[in-house]
Amino acid sequence: MEYTPINLQEKLTKFTELWSPKVIAEMNDYQFKLVKVQGDFVWHKHEGTDEVFMVIEGNLTIEFRDGEVKLNQGEIFVIPRNVEHKPYAESECKIMLVEPKGVVNTGEKRIEQTAENDVWI
């Protein structure tokens, strides 16, 4: 076993793409993913799982059909399974997602914004 901590800031320097989650660790069947976001994403949902958003740097708004939640640096929010949502960030925001292995960023949809899955940095 390797006893080396994972440095989030160092990992965030390894990519520039927006809306393209990168895996940094796994725990049981869950992955910890870093992603940089800016602007609007697409409406989507994850039918089989909840999804955790943790803001590392910046501000993130997650819109729902009946409201929204605003997250600041250091805040976390859990989106329940099967709840349609649309993330938005006015300026670049760095977040960590925690979700089961195999979850695709656009949910059940395969569209232009669908990122390659299971990409490690």
PDB file of N, CA and C in Angstrom:
ATOM      1  N   MET A   1       0.832  -1.185   0.000  1.00  0.00           N
ATOM      2  CA  MET A   1       0.000   0.000   0.000  1.00  0.00           C
ATOM      3  C   MET A   1       0.875   1.246   0.000  1.00  0.00           C
ATOM      4  N   GLU A   2       0.427   2.243  -0.747  1.00  0.00           N
ATOM      5  CA  GLU A   2       1.168   3.503  -0.808  1.00  0.00           C
ATOM      6  C   GLU A   2       0.553   4.490   0.180  1.00  0.00           C
ATOM      7  N   TYR A   3       1.384   5.117   1.012  1.00  0.00           N
ATOM      8  CA  TYR A   3       0.913   6.044   2.040  1.00  0.00           C
ATOM      9  C   TYR A   3       1.211   7.479   1.647  1.00  0.00           C
ATOM     10  N   THR A   4       0.595   7.893   0.562  1.00  0.00           N
ATOM     11  CA  THR A   4       0.796   9.245   0.043  1.00  0.00           C
ATOM     12  C   THR A   4      -0.538   9.971  -0.004  1.00  0.00           C
ATOM     13  N   PRO A   5      -0.625  11.141   0.616  1.00  0.00           N
ATOM     14  CA  PRO A   5      -1.899  11.883   0.561  1.00  0.00           C
ATOM     15  C   PRO A   5      -2.163  12.406  -0.847  1.00  0.00           C
ATOM     16  N   ILE A   6      -3.425  12.630  -1.130  1.00  0.00           N
ATOM     17  CA  ILE A   6      -3.823  13.209  -2.411  1.00  0.00           C
ATOM     18  C   ILE A   6      -4.003  14.702  -2.202  1.00  0.00           C
ATOM     19  N   ASN A   7      -3.240  15.500  -2.942  1.00  0.00           N
ATOM     20  CA  ASN A   7      -3.314  16.949  -2.828  1.00  0.00           C
ATOM     21  C   ASN A   7      -4.283  17.478  -3.875  1.00  0.00           C
ATOM     22  N   LEU A   8      -5.414  18.009  -3.422  1.00  0.00           N
ATOM     23  CA  LEU A   8      -6.445  18.475  -4.343  1.00  0.00           C
ATOM     24  C   LEU A   8      -5.948  19.597  -5.246  1.00  0.00           C
ATOM     25  N   GLN A   9      -5.230  20.559  -4.691  1.00  0.00           N
ATOM     26  CA  GLN A   9      -4.749  21.683  -5.502  1.00  0.00           C
ATOM     27  C   GLN A   9      -3.775  21.217  -6.583  1.00  0.00           C
ATOM     28  N   GLU A  10      -2.912  20.280  -6.242  1.00  0.00           N
ATOM     29  CA  GLU A  10      -1.966  19.750  -7.230  1.00  0.00           C
ATOM     30  C   GLU A  10      -2.716  19.006  -8.328  1.00  0.00           C
ATOM     31  N   LYS A  11      -3.698  18.226  -7.973  1.00  0.00           N
ATOM     32  CA  LYS A  11      -4.485  17.489  -8.969  1.00  0.00           C
ATOM     33  C   LYS A  11      -5.240  18.449  -9.894  1.00  0.00           C
ATOM     34  N   LEU A  12      -5.744  19.544  -9.340  1.00  0.00           N
ATOM     35  CA  LEU A  12      -6.488  20.517 -10.148  1.00  0.00           C
ATOM     36  C   LEU A  12      -5.612  21.212 -11.191  1.00  0.00           C
ATOM     37  N   THR A  13      -4.293  21.224 -10.989  1.00  0.00           N
ATOM     38  CA  THR A  13      -3.395  21.829 -11.984  1.00  0.00           C
ATOM     39  C   THR A  13      -3.168  20.909 -13.186  1.00  0.00           C
ATOM     40  N   LYS A  14      -3.594  19.673 -13.111  1.00  0.00           N
ATOM     41  CA  LYS A  14      -3.316  18.683 -14.162  1.00  0.00           C
ATOM     42  C   LYS A  14      -4.303  18.688 -15.326  1.00  0.00           C
ATOM     43  N   PHE A  15      -5.341  19.534 -15.258  1.00  0.00           N
ATOM     44  CA  PHE A  15      -6.290  19.591 -16.375  1.00  0.00           C
ATOM     45  C   PHE A  15      -6.926  20.976 -16.451  1.00  0.00           C
ATOM     46  N   THR A  16      -7.419  21.303 -17.646  1.00  0.00           N
ATOM     47  CA  THR A  16      -8.063  22.598 -17.865  1.00  0.00           C
ATOM     48  C   THR A  16      -9.487  22.475 -18.389  1.00  0.00           C
ATOM     49  N   GLU A  17      -9.869  21.300 -18.873  1.00  0.00           N
ATOM     50  CA  GLU A  17     -11.194  21.122 -19.461  1.00  0.00           C
ATOM     51  C   GLU A  17     -12.285  21.424 -18.443  1.00  0.00           C
ATOM     52  N   LEU A  18     -13.373  22.001 -18.949  1.00  0.00           N
ATOM     53  CA  LEU A  18     -14.537  22.267 -18.119  1.00  0.00           C
ATOM     54  C   LEU A  18     -15.541  21.126 -18.259  1.00  0.00           C
ATOM     55  N   TRP A  19     -16.270  20.875 -17.191  1.00  0.00           N
ATOM     56  CA  TRP A  19     -17.356  19.887 -17.173  1.00  0.00           C
ATOM     57  C   TRP A  19     -16.867  18.480 -17.527  1.00  0.00           C
ATOM     58  N   SER A  20     -15.635  18.167 -17.179  1.00  0.00           N
ATOM     59  CA  SER A  20     -15.047  16.870 -17.507  1.00  0.00           C
ATOM     60  C   SER A  20     -14.417  16.262 -16.250  1.00  0.00           C
ATOM     61  N   PRO A  21     -15.208  15.552 -15.432  1.00  0.00           N
ATOM     62  CA  PRO A  21     -14.724  15.026 -14.155  1.00  0.00           C
ATOM     63  C   PRO A  21     -13.529  14.092 -14.299  1.00  0.00           C
ATOM     64  N   LYS A  22     -12.584  14.235 -13.353  1.00  0.00           N
ATOM     65  CA  LYS A  22     -11.384  13.403 -13.305  1.00  0.00           C
ATOM     66  C   LYS A  22     -11.349  12.665 -11.965  1.00  0.00           C
ATOM     67  N   VAL A  23     -11.141  11.381 -12.005  1.00  0.00           N
ATOM     68  CA  VAL A  23     -11.113  10.552 -10.801  1.00  0.00           C
ATOM     69  C   VAL A  23      -9.772  10.721 -10.097  1.00  0.00           C
ATOM     70  N   ILE A  24      -9.852  10.910  -8.755  1.00  0.00           N
ATOM     71  CA  ILE A  24      -8.614  11.015  -7.974  1.00  0.00           C
ATOM     72  C   ILE A  24      -8.501   9.916  -6.920  1.00  0.00           C
ATOM     73  N   ALA A  25      -9.618   9.246  -6.605  1.00  0.00           N
ATOM     74  CA  ALA A  25      -9.579   8.186  -5.585  1.00  0.00           C
ATOM     75  C   ALA A  25     -10.851   7.353  -5.668  1.00  0.00           C
ATOM     76  N   GLU A  26     -10.765   6.150  -5.107  1.00  0.00           N
ATOM     77  CA  GLU A  26     -11.932   5.283  -4.988  1.00  0.00           C
ATOM     78  C   GLU A  26     -12.028   4.765  -3.560  1.00  0.00           C
ATOM     79  N   MET A  27     -13.266   4.596  -3.104  1.00  0.00           N
ATOM     80  CA  MET A  27     -13.530   4.008  -1.801  1.00  0.00           C
ATOM     81  C   MET A  27     -14.704   3.053  -1.991  1.00  0.00           C
ATOM     82  N   ASN A  28     -14.467   1.771  -1.766  1.00  0.00           N
ATOM     83  CA  ASN A  28     -15.473   0.761  -2.062  1.00  0.00           C
ATOM     84  C   ASN A  28     -15.884   0.931  -3.523  1.00  0.00           C
ATOM     85  N   ASP A  29     -17.153   1.147  -3.817  1.00  0.00           N
ATOM     86  CA  ASP A  29     -17.585   1.334  -5.206  1.00  0.00           C
ATOM     87  C   ASP A  29     -17.802   2.802  -5.547  1.00  0.00           C
ATOM     88  N   TYR A  30     -17.291   3.722  -4.715  1.00  0.00           N
ATOM     89  CA  TYR A  30     -17.474   5.152  -4.946  1.00  0.00           C
ATOM     90  C   TYR A  30     -16.199   5.793  -5.463  1.00  0.00           C
ATOM     91  N   GLN A  31     -16.377   6.804  -6.321  1.00  0.00           N
ATOM     92  CA  GLN A  31     -15.243   7.569  -6.837  1.00  0.00           C
ATOM     93  C   GLN A  31     -15.319   9.005  -6.346  1.00  0.00           C
ATOM     94  N   PHE A  32     -14.143   9.566  -6.107  1.00  0.00           N
ATOM     95  CA  PHE A  32     -13.988  10.981  -5.794  1.00  0.00           C
ATOM     96  C   PHE A  32     -13.457  11.624  -7.064  1.00  0.00           C
ATOM     97  N   LYS A  33     -14.203  12.611  -7.588  1.00  0.00           N
ATOM     98  CA  LYS A  33     -13.853  13.218  -8.873  1.00  0.00           C
ATOM     99  C   LYS A  33     -13.694  14.724  -8.710  1.00  0.00           C
ATOM    100  N   LEU A  34     -12.671  15.271  -9.348  1.00  0.00           N
ATOM    101  CA  LEU A  34     -12.503  16.717  -9.414  1.00  0.00           C
ATOM    102  C   LEU A  34     -12.991  17.196 -10.763  1.00  0.00           C
ATOM    103  N   VAL A  35     -13.611  18.380 -10.769  1.00  0.00           N
ATOM    104  CA  VAL A  35     -14.105  18.944 -12.023  1.00  0.00           C
ATOM    105  C   VAL A  35     -14.087  20.457 -11.917  1.00  0.00           C
ATOM    106  N   LYS A  36     -13.737  21.090 -13.033  1.00  0.00           N
ATOM    107  CA  LYS A  36     -13.800  22.546 -13.155  1.00  0.00           C
ATOM    108  C   LYS A  36     -15.045  22.863 -13.979  1.00  0.00           C
ATOM    109  N   VAL A  37     -15.821  23.837 -13.511  1.00  0.00           N
ATOM    110  CA  VAL A  37     -17.063  24.173 -14.198  1.00  0.00           C
ATOM    111  C   VAL A  37     -17.153  25.684 -14.382  1.00  0.00           C
ATOM    112  N   GLN A  38     -17.840  26.070 -15.440  1.00  0.00           N
ATOM    113  CA  GLN A  38     -18.131  27.488 -15.683  1.00  0.00           C
ATOM    114  C   GLN A  38     -19.264  27.558 -16.696  1.00  0.00           C
ATOM    115  N   GLY A  39     -20.201  28.475 -16.471  1.00  0.00           N
ATOM    116  CA  GLY A  39     -21.355  28.602 -17.341  1.00  0.00           C
ATOM    117  C   GLY A  39     -22.411  27.587 -16.983  1.00  0.00           C
ATOM    118  N   ASP A  40     -23.330  27.355 -17.914  1.00  0.00           N
ATOM    119  CA  ASP A  40     -24.442  26.426 -17.712  1.00  0.00           C
ATOM    120  C   ASP A  40     -24.069  25.013 -18.115  1.00  0.00           C
ATOM    121  N   PHE A  41     -24.572  24.053 -17.365  1.00  0.00           N
ATOM    122  CA  PHE A  41     -24.511  22.659 -17.779  1.00  0.00           C
ATOM    123  C   PHE A  41     -25.894  22.291 -18.297  1.00  0.00           C
ATOM    124  N   VAL A  42     -26.186  21.042 -18.452  1.00  0.00           N
ATOM    125  CA  VAL A  42     -27.477  20.596 -18.989  1.00  0.00           C
ATOM    126  C   VAL A  42     -28.347  20.046 -17.865  1.00  0.00           C
ATOM    127  N   TRP A  43     -29.656  20.095 -18.074  1.00  0.00           N
ATOM    128  CA  TRP A  43     -30.574  19.437 -17.157  1.00  0.00           C
ATOM    129  C   TRP A  43     -30.342  17.939 -17.264  1.00  0.00           C
ATOM    130  N   HIS A  44     -30.204  17.272 -16.121  1.00  0.00           N
ATOM    131  CA  HIS A  44     -30.018  15.831 -16.113  1.00  0.00           C
ATOM    132  C   HIS A  44     -30.358  15.282 -14.731  1.00  0.00           C
ATOM    133  N   LYS A  45     -30.389  13.959 -14.626  1.00  0.00           N
ATOM    134  CA  LYS A  45     -30.602  13.297 -13.342  1.00  0.00           C
ATOM    135  C   LYS A  45     -29.868  11.967 -13.351  1.00  0.00           C
ATOM    136  N   HIS A  46     -29.652  11.451 -12.161  1.00  0.00           N
ATOM    137  CA  HIS A  46     -29.001  10.152 -11.999  1.00  0.00           C
ATOM    138  C   HIS A  46     -30.031   9.237 -11.344  1.00  0.00           C
ATOM    139  N   GLU A  47     -30.577   8.339 -12.133  1.00  0.00           N
ATOM    140  CA  GLU A  47     -31.695   7.519 -11.669  1.00  0.00           C
ATOM    141  C   GLU A  47     -31.321   6.550 -10.561  1.00  0.00           C
ATOM    142  N   GLY A  48     -30.090   6.071 -10.549  1.00  0.00           N
ATOM    143  CA  GLY A  48     -29.745   5.019  -9.597  1.00  0.00           C
ATOM    144  C   GLY A  48     -28.970   5.459  -8.379  1.00  0.00           C
ATOM    145  N   THR A  49     -28.659   6.763  -8.238  1.00  0.00           N
ATOM    146  CA  THR A  49     -27.780   7.141  -7.142  1.00  0.00           C
ATOM    147  C   THR A  49     -27.934   8.605  -6.744  1.00  0.00           C
ATOM    148  N   ASP A  50     -27.607   8.887  -5.493  1.00  0.00           N
ATOM    149  CA  ASP A  50     -27.446  10.257  -5.037  1.00  0.00           C
ATOM    150  C   ASP A  50     -26.111  10.760  -5.576  1.00  0.00           C
ATOM    151  N   GLU A  51     -25.906  12.086  -5.497  1.00  0.00           N
ATOM    152  CA  GLU A  51     -24.658  12.686  -5.982  1.00  0.00           C
ATOM    153  C   GLU A  51     -24.252  13.788  -5.013  1.00  0.00           C
ATOM    154  N   VAL A  52     -22.971  13.809  -4.632  1.00  0.00           N
ATOM    155  CA  VAL A  52     -22.451  14.808  -3.708  1.00  0.00           C
ATOM    156  C   VAL A  52     -21.647  15.852  -4.477  1.00  0.00           C
ATOM    157  N   PHE A  53     -21.944  17.129  -4.224  1.00  0.00           N
ATOM    158  CA  PHE A  53     -21.170  18.250  -4.749  1.00  0.00           C
ATOM    159  C   PHE A  53     -20.485  18.939  -3.573  1.00  0.00           C
ATOM    160  N   MET A  54     -19.161  19.119  -3.657  1.00  0.00           N
ATOM    161  CA  MET A  54     -18.416  19.864  -2.640  1.00  0.00           C
ATOM    162  C   MET A  54     -17.611  20.943  -3.344  1.00  0.00           C
ATOM    163  N   VAL A  55     -17.836  22.198  -2.986  1.00  0.00           N
ATOM    164  CA  VAL A  55     -17.133  23.303  -3.632  1.00  0.00           C
ATOM    165  C   VAL A  55     -15.770  23.487  -2.966  1.00  0.00           C
ATOM    166  N   ILE A  56     -14.725  23.377  -3.762  1.00  0.00           N
ATOM    167  CA  ILE A  56     -13.359  23.572  -3.291  1.00  0.00           C
ATOM    168  C   ILE A  56     -12.971  25.040  -3.431  1.00  0.00           C
ATOM    169  N   GLU A  57     -13.351  25.632  -4.558  1.00  0.00           N
ATOM    170  CA  GLU A  57     -13.017  27.039  -4.833  1.00  0.00           C
ATOM    171  C   GLU A  57     -14.085  27.623  -5.746  1.00  0.00           C
ATOM    172  N   GLY A  58     -14.584  28.806  -5.401  1.00  0.00           N
ATOM    173  CA  GLY A  58     -15.577  29.476  -6.227  1.00  0.00           C
ATOM    174  C   GLY A  58     -16.982  29.338  -5.676  1.00  0.00           C
ATOM    175  N   ASN A  59     -17.955  29.562  -6.546  1.00  0.00           N
ATOM    176  CA  ASN A  59     -19.374  29.511  -6.181  1.00  0.00           C
ATOM    177  C   ASN A  59     -20.132  28.726  -7.236  1.00  0.00           C
ATOM    178  N   LEU A  60     -21.067  27.913  -6.787  1.00  0.00           N
ATOM    179  CA  LEU A  60     -21.839  27.055  -7.673  1.00  0.00           C
ATOM    180  C   LEU A  60     -23.314  27.177  -7.323  1.00  0.00           C
ATOM    181  N   THR A  61     -24.139  27.306  -8.350  1.00  0.00           N
ATOM    182  CA  THR A  61     -25.582  27.255  -8.177  1.00  0.00           C
ATOM    183  C   THR A  61     -26.074  25.973  -8.815  1.00  0.00           C
ATOM    184  N   ILE A  62     -26.915  25.240  -8.106  1.00  0.00           N
ATOM    185  CA  ILE A  62     -27.539  24.050  -8.670  1.00  0.00           C
ATOM    186  C   ILE A  62     -29.027  24.344  -8.744  1.00  0.00           C
ATOM    187  N   GLU A  63     -29.524  24.382  -9.971  1.00  0.00           N
ATOM    188  CA  GLU A  63     -30.942  24.661 -10.185  1.00  0.00           C
ATOM    189  C   GLU A  63     -31.724  23.356 -10.180  1.00  0.00           C
ATOM    190  N   PHE A  64     -32.946  23.445  -9.647  1.00  0.00           N
ATOM    191  CA  PHE A  64     -33.902  22.349  -9.659  1.00  0.00           C
ATOM    192  C   PHE A  64     -35.164  22.878 -10.322  1.00  0.00           C
ATOM    193  N   ARG A  65     -36.053  22.025 -10.699  1.00  0.00           N
ATOM    194  CA  ARG A  65     -37.292  22.474 -11.351  1.00  0.00           C
ATOM    195  C   ARG A  65     -38.145  23.326 -10.418  1.00  0.00           C
ATOM    196  N   ASP A  66     -37.937  23.176  -9.096  1.00  0.00           N
ATOM    197  CA  ASP A  66     -38.751  23.924  -8.142  1.00  0.00           C
ATOM    198  C   ASP A  66     -37.936  24.829  -7.218  1.00  0.00           C
ATOM    199  N   GLY A  67     -36.687  25.151  -7.590  1.00  0.00           N
ATOM    200  CA  GLY A  67     -35.856  26.025  -6.756  1.00  0.00           C
ATOM    201  C   GLY A  67     -34.390  25.877  -7.096  1.00  0.00           C
ATOM    202  N   GLU A  68     -33.535  26.329  -6.183  1.00  0.00           N
ATOM    203  CA  GLU A  68     -32.093  26.246  -6.405  1.00  0.00           C
ATOM    204  C   GLU A  68     -31.366  26.243  -5.064  1.00  0.00           C
ATOM    205  N   VAL A  69     -30.106  25.832  -5.100  1.00  0.00           N
ATOM    206  CA  VAL A  69     -29.232  25.917  -3.942  1.00  0.00           C
ATOM    207  C   VAL A  69     -27.951  26.596  -4.409  1.00  0.00           C
ATOM    208  N   LYS A  70     -27.434  27.515  -3.592  1.00  0.00           N
ATOM    209  CA  LYS A  70     -26.180  28.203  -3.891  1.00  0.00           C
ATOM    210  C   LYS A  70     -25.119  27.694  -2.930  1.00  0.00           C
ATOM    211  N   LEU A  71     -24.001  27.246  -3.497  1.00  0.00           N
ATOM    212  CA  LEU A  71     -22.908  26.705  -2.696  1.00  0.00           C
ATOM    213  C   LEU A  71     -21.684  27.598  -2.816  1.00  0.00           C
ATOM    214  N   ASN A  72     -21.067  27.876  -1.682  1.00  0.00           N
ATOM    215  CA  ASN A  72     -19.831  28.640  -1.633  1.00  0.00           C
ATOM    216  C   ASN A  72     -18.677  27.713  -1.277  1.00  0.00           C
ATOM    217  N   GLN A  73     -17.468  28.237  -1.356  1.00  0.00           N
ATOM    218  CA  GLN A  73     -16.275  27.460  -1.036  1.00  0.00           C
ATOM    219  C   GLN A  73     -16.438  26.793   0.328  1.00  0.00           C
ATOM    220  N   GLY A  74     -16.130  25.499   0.378  1.00  0.00           N
ATOM    221  CA  GLY A  74     -16.203  24.754   1.626  1.00  0.00           C
ATOM    222  C   GLY A  74     -17.570  24.176   1.936  1.00  0.00           C
ATOM    223  N   GLU A  75     -18.551  24.369   1.048  1.00  0.00           N
ATOM    224  CA  GLU A  75     -19.888  23.847   1.297  1.00  0.00           C
ATOM    225  C   GLU A  75     -20.148  22.605   0.452  1.00  0.00           C
ATOM    226  N   ILE A  76     -21.091  21.800   0.924  1.00  0.00           N
ATOM    227  CA  ILE A  76     -21.406  20.524   0.310  1.00  0.00           C
ATOM    228  C   ILE A  76     -22.922  20.395   0.202  1.00  0.00           C
ATOM    229  N   PHE A  77     -23.367  19.664  -0.827  1.00  0.00           N
ATOM    230  CA  PHE A  77     -24.794  19.412  -1.001  1.00  0.00           C
ATOM    231  C   PHE A  77     -24.977  18.036  -1.623  1.00  0.00           C
ATOM    232  N   VAL A  78     -25.978  17.308  -1.144  1.00  0.00           N
ATOM    233  CA  VAL A  78     -26.289  15.983  -1.678  1.00  0.00           C
ATOM    234  C   VAL A  78     -27.569  16.082  -2.502  1.00  0.00           C
ATOM    235  N   ILE A  79     -27.484  15.695  -3.754  1.00  0.00           N
ATOM    236  CA  ILE A  79     -28.652  15.664  -4.632  1.00  0.00           C
ATOM    237  C   ILE A  79     -29.207  14.237  -4.606  1.00  0.00           C
ATOM    238  N   PRO A  80     -30.457  14.080  -4.190  1.00  0.00           N
ATOM    239  CA  PRO A  80     -31.042  12.735  -4.144  1.00  0.00           C
ATOM    240  C   PRO A  80     -31.184  12.115  -5.533  1.00  0.00           C
ATOM    241  N   ARG A  81     -31.149  10.814  -5.579  1.00  0.00           N
ATOM    242  CA  ARG A  81     -31.309  10.093  -6.844  1.00  0.00           C
ATOM    243  C   ARG A  81     -32.603  10.512  -7.537  1.00  0.00           C
ATOM    244  N   ASN A  82     -32.545  10.533  -8.839  1.00  0.00           N
ATOM    245  CA  ASN A  82     -33.694  10.784  -9.702  1.00  0.00           C
ATOM    246  C   ASN A  82     -34.241  12.212  -9.618  1.00  0.00           C
ATOM    247  N   VAL A  83     -33.452  13.154  -9.062  1.00  0.00           N
ATOM    248  CA  VAL A  83     -33.872  14.556  -9.005  1.00  0.00           C
ATOM    249  C   VAL A  83     -33.169  15.308 -10.131  1.00  0.00           C
ATOM    250  N   GLU A  84     -33.957  15.888 -11.032  1.00  0.00           N
ATOM    251  CA  GLU A  84     -33.389  16.620 -12.160  1.00  0.00           C
ATOM    252  C   GLU A  84     -32.742  17.903 -11.656  1.00  0.00           C
ATOM    253  N   HIS A  85     -31.540  18.181 -12.167  1.00  0.00           N
ATOM    254  CA  HIS A  85     -30.791  19.357 -11.718  1.00  0.00           C
ATOM    255  C   HIS A  85     -29.918  19.887 -12.844  1.00  0.00           C
ATOM    256  N   LYS A  86     -29.492  21.161 -12.667  1.00  0.00           N
ATOM    257  CA  LYS A  86     -28.626  21.804 -13.664  1.00  0.00           C
ATOM    258  C   LYS A  86     -27.637  22.701 -12.933  1.00  0.00           C
ATOM    259  N   PRO A  87     -26.367  22.302 -12.866  1.00  0.00           N
ATOM    260  CA  PRO A  87     -25.351  23.139 -12.237  1.00  0.00           C
ATOM    261  C   PRO A  87     -25.010  24.354 -13.109  1.00  0.00           C
ATOM    262  N   TYR A  88     -24.611  25.438 -12.426  1.00  0.00           N
ATOM    263  CA  TYR A  88     -24.219  26.677 -13.109  1.00  0.00           C
ATOM    264  C   TYR A  88     -23.173  27.390 -12.254  1.00  0.00           C
ATOM    265  N   ALA A  89     -22.161  27.944 -12.925  1.00  0.00           N
ATOM    266  CA  ALA A  89     -21.158  28.763 -12.243  1.00  0.00           C
ATOM    267  C   ALA A  89     -20.860  29.973 -13.111  1.00  0.00           C
ATOM    268  N   GLU A  90     -21.025  31.143 -12.539  1.00  0.00           N
ATOM    269  CA  GLU A  90     -20.773  32.380 -13.296  1.00  0.00           C
ATOM    270  C   GLU A  90     -19.313  32.488 -13.710  1.00  0.00           C
ATOM    271  N   SER A  91     -18.405  32.171 -12.787  1.00  0.00           N
ATOM    272  CA  SER A  91     -16.975  32.131 -13.114  1.00  0.00           C
ATOM    273  C   SER A  91     -16.453  30.748 -12.729  1.00  0.00           C
ATOM    274  N   GLU A  92     -15.232  30.441 -13.138  1.00  0.00           N
ATOM    275  CA  GLU A  92     -14.724  29.093 -12.911  1.00  0.00           C
ATOM    276  C   GLU A  92     -14.850  28.680 -11.453  1.00  0.00           C
ATOM    277  N   CYS A  93     -15.365  27.492 -11.260  1.00  0.00           N
ATOM    278  CA  CYS A  93     -15.565  26.910  -9.936  1.00  0.00           C
ATOM    279  C   CYS A  93     -14.946  25.513  -9.946  1.00  0.00           C
ATOM    280  N   LYS A  94     -14.257  25.184  -8.862  1.00  0.00           N
ATOM    281  CA  LYS A  94     -13.614  23.871  -8.743  1.00  0.00           C
ATOM    282  C   LYS A  94     -14.367  23.072  -7.693  1.00  0.00           C
ATOM    283  N   ILE A  95     -14.819  21.894  -8.098  1.00  0.00           N
ATOM    284  CA  ILE A  95     -15.633  21.085  -7.195  1.00  0.00           C
ATOM    285  C   ILE A  95     -15.150  19.644  -7.146  1.00  0.00           C
ATOM    286  N   MET A  96     -15.577  18.967  -6.088  1.00  0.00           N
ATOM    287  CA  MET A  96     -15.376  17.528  -5.987  1.00  0.00           C
ATOM    288  C   MET A  96     -16.748  16.874  -6.016  1.00  0.00           C
ATOM    289  N   LEU A  97     -16.859  15.821  -6.799  1.00  0.00           N
ATOM    290  CA  LEU A  97     -18.058  15.002  -6.841  1.00  0.00           C
ATOM    291  C   LEU A  97     -17.748  13.679  -6.162  1.00  0.00           C
ATOM    292  N   VAL A  98     -18.720  13.149  -5.437  1.00  0.00           N
ATOM    293  CA  VAL A  98     -18.596  11.808  -4.868  1.00  0.00           C
ATOM    294  C   VAL A  98     -19.811  11.035  -5.345  1.00  0.00           C
ATOM    295  N   GLU A  99     -19.541   9.960  -6.078  1.00  0.00           N
ATOM    296  CA  GLU A  99     -20.630   9.187  -6.667  1.00  0.00           C
ATOM    297  C   GLU A  99     -20.118   7.781  -6.996  1.00  0.00           C
ATOM    298  N   PRO A 100     -21.027   6.837  -7.179  1.00  0.00           N
ATOM    299  CA  PRO A 100     -20.594   5.473  -7.493  1.00  0.00           C
ATOM    300  C   PRO A 100     -19.805   5.399  -8.805  1.00  0.00           C
ATOM    301  N   LYS A 101     -18.908   4.470  -8.866  1.00  0.00           N
ATOM    302  CA  LYS A 101     -18.150   4.207 -10.083  1.00  0.00           C
ATOM    303  C   LYS A 101     -19.120   3.952 -11.228  1.00  0.00           C
ATOM    304  N   GLY A 102     -18.832   4.540 -12.382  1.00  0.00           N
ATOM    305  CA  GLY A 102     -19.656   4.324 -13.565  1.00  0.00           C
ATOM    306  C   GLY A 102     -20.688   5.404 -13.824  1.00  0.00           C
ATOM    307  N   VAL A 103     -20.882   6.332 -12.876  1.00  0.00           N
ATOM    308  CA  VAL A 103     -21.862   7.402 -13.084  1.00  0.00           C
ATOM    309  C   VAL A 103     -21.344   8.352 -14.159  1.00  0.00           C
ATOM    310  N   VAL A 104     -22.198   8.666 -15.125  1.00  0.00           N
ATOM    311  CA  VAL A 104     -21.852   9.554 -16.238  1.00  0.00           C
ATOM    312  C   VAL A 104     -22.335  10.958 -15.906  1.00  0.00           C
ATOM    313  N   ASN A 105     -21.545  11.968 -16.271  1.00  0.00           N
ATOM    314  CA  ASN A 105     -21.843  13.352 -15.868  1.00  0.00           C
ATOM    315  C   ASN A 105     -23.180  13.873 -16.369  1.00  0.00           C
ATOM    316  N   THR A 106     -23.693  13.363 -17.462  1.00  0.00           N
ATOM    317  CA  THR A 106     -24.974  13.838 -17.991  1.00  0.00           C
ATOM    318  C   THR A 106     -26.122  12.879 -17.668  1.00  0.00           C
ATOM    319  N   GLY A 107     -25.922  11.998 -16.712  1.00  0.00           N
ATOM    320  CA  GLY A 107     -26.968  11.056 -16.327  1.00  0.00           C
ATOM    321  C   GLY A 107     -27.216  10.030 -17.408  1.00  0.00           C
ATOM    322  N   GLU A 108     -28.482   9.819 -17.712  1.00  0.00           N
ATOM    323  CA  GLU A 108     -28.857   8.807 -18.693  1.00  0.00           C
ATOM    324  C   GLU A 108     -28.692   9.296 -20.132  1.00  0.00           C
ATOM    325  N   LYS A 109     -28.499  10.608 -20.320  1.00  0.00           N
ATOM    326  CA  LYS A 109     -28.378  11.189 -21.662  1.00  0.00           C
ATOM    327  C   LYS A 109     -26.959  11.020 -22.190  1.00  0.00           C
ATOM    328  N   ARG A 110     -26.822  10.778 -23.469  1.00  0.00           N
ATOM    329  CA  ARG A 110     -25.520  10.788 -24.144  1.00  0.00           C
ATOM    330  C   ARG A 110     -25.582  11.913 -25.161  1.00  0.00           C
ATOM    331  N   ILE A 111     -24.978  13.045 -24.809  1.00  0.00           N
ATOM    332  CA  ILE A 111     -25.051  14.252 -25.625  1.00  0.00           C
ATOM    333  C   ILE A 111     -23.657  14.847 -25.768  1.00  0.00           C
ATOM    334  N   GLU A 112     -23.568  15.990 -26.411  1.00  0.00           N
ATOM    335  CA  GLU A 112     -22.280  16.641 -26.645  1.00  0.00           C
ATOM    336  C   GLU A 112     -21.506  16.890 -25.348  1.00  0.00           C
ATOM    337  N   GLN A 113     -22.191  17.206 -24.260  1.00  0.00           N
ATOM    338  CA  GLN A 113     -21.534  17.505 -22.988  1.00  0.00           C
ATOM    339  C   GLN A 113     -21.152  16.261 -22.185  1.00  0.00           C
ATOM    340  N   THR A 114     -21.495  15.084 -22.673  1.00  0.00           N
ATOM    341  CA  THR A 114     -21.134  13.855 -21.974  1.00  0.00           C
ATOM    342  C   THR A 114     -19.616  13.678 -22.009  1.00  0.00           C
ATOM    343  N   ALA A 115     -19.012  13.620 -20.814  1.00  0.00           N
ATOM    344  CA  ALA A 115     -17.561  13.473 -20.701  1.00  0.00           C
ATOM    345  C   ALA A 115     -17.171  11.996 -20.699  1.00  0.00           C
ATOM    346  N   GLU A 116     -15.961  11.736 -21.128  1.00  0.00           N
ATOM    347  CA  GLU A 116     -15.417  10.383 -21.015  1.00  0.00           C
ATOM    348  C   GLU A 116     -15.430  10.000 -19.546  1.00  0.00           C
ATOM    349  N   ASN A 117     -15.841   8.790 -19.269  1.00  0.00           N
ATOM    350  CA  ASN A 117     -15.983   8.347 -17.878  1.00  0.00           C
ATOM    351  C   ASN A 117     -14.745   7.622 -17.402  1.00  0.00           C
ATOM    352  N   ASP A 118     -14.527   7.644 -16.087  1.00  0.00           N
ATOM    353  CA  ASP A 118     -13.463   6.876 -15.437  1.00  0.00           C
ATOM    354  C   ASP A 118     -12.061   7.314 -15.874  1.00  0.00           C
ATOM    355  N   VAL A 119     -11.874   8.632 -16.035  1.00  0.00           N
ATOM    356  CA  VAL A 119     -10.566   9.183 -16.393  1.00  0.00           C
ATOM    357  C   VAL A 119      -9.836   9.576 -15.103  1.00  0.00           C
ATOM    358  N   TRP A 120      -8.680   8.964 -14.880  1.00  0.00           N
ATOM    359  CA  TRP A 120      -7.887   9.207 -13.675  1.00  0.00           C
ATOM    360  C   TRP A 120      -6.796  10.254 -13.925  1.00  0.00           C
ATOM    361  N   ILE A 121      -6.556  11.060 -12.913  1.00  0.00           N
ATOM    362  CA  ILE A 121      -5.396  11.968 -12.965  1.00  0.00           C
ATOM    363  C   ILE A 121      -4.537  11.739 -11.740  1.00  0.00           C
TER     364      ILE A 121
END
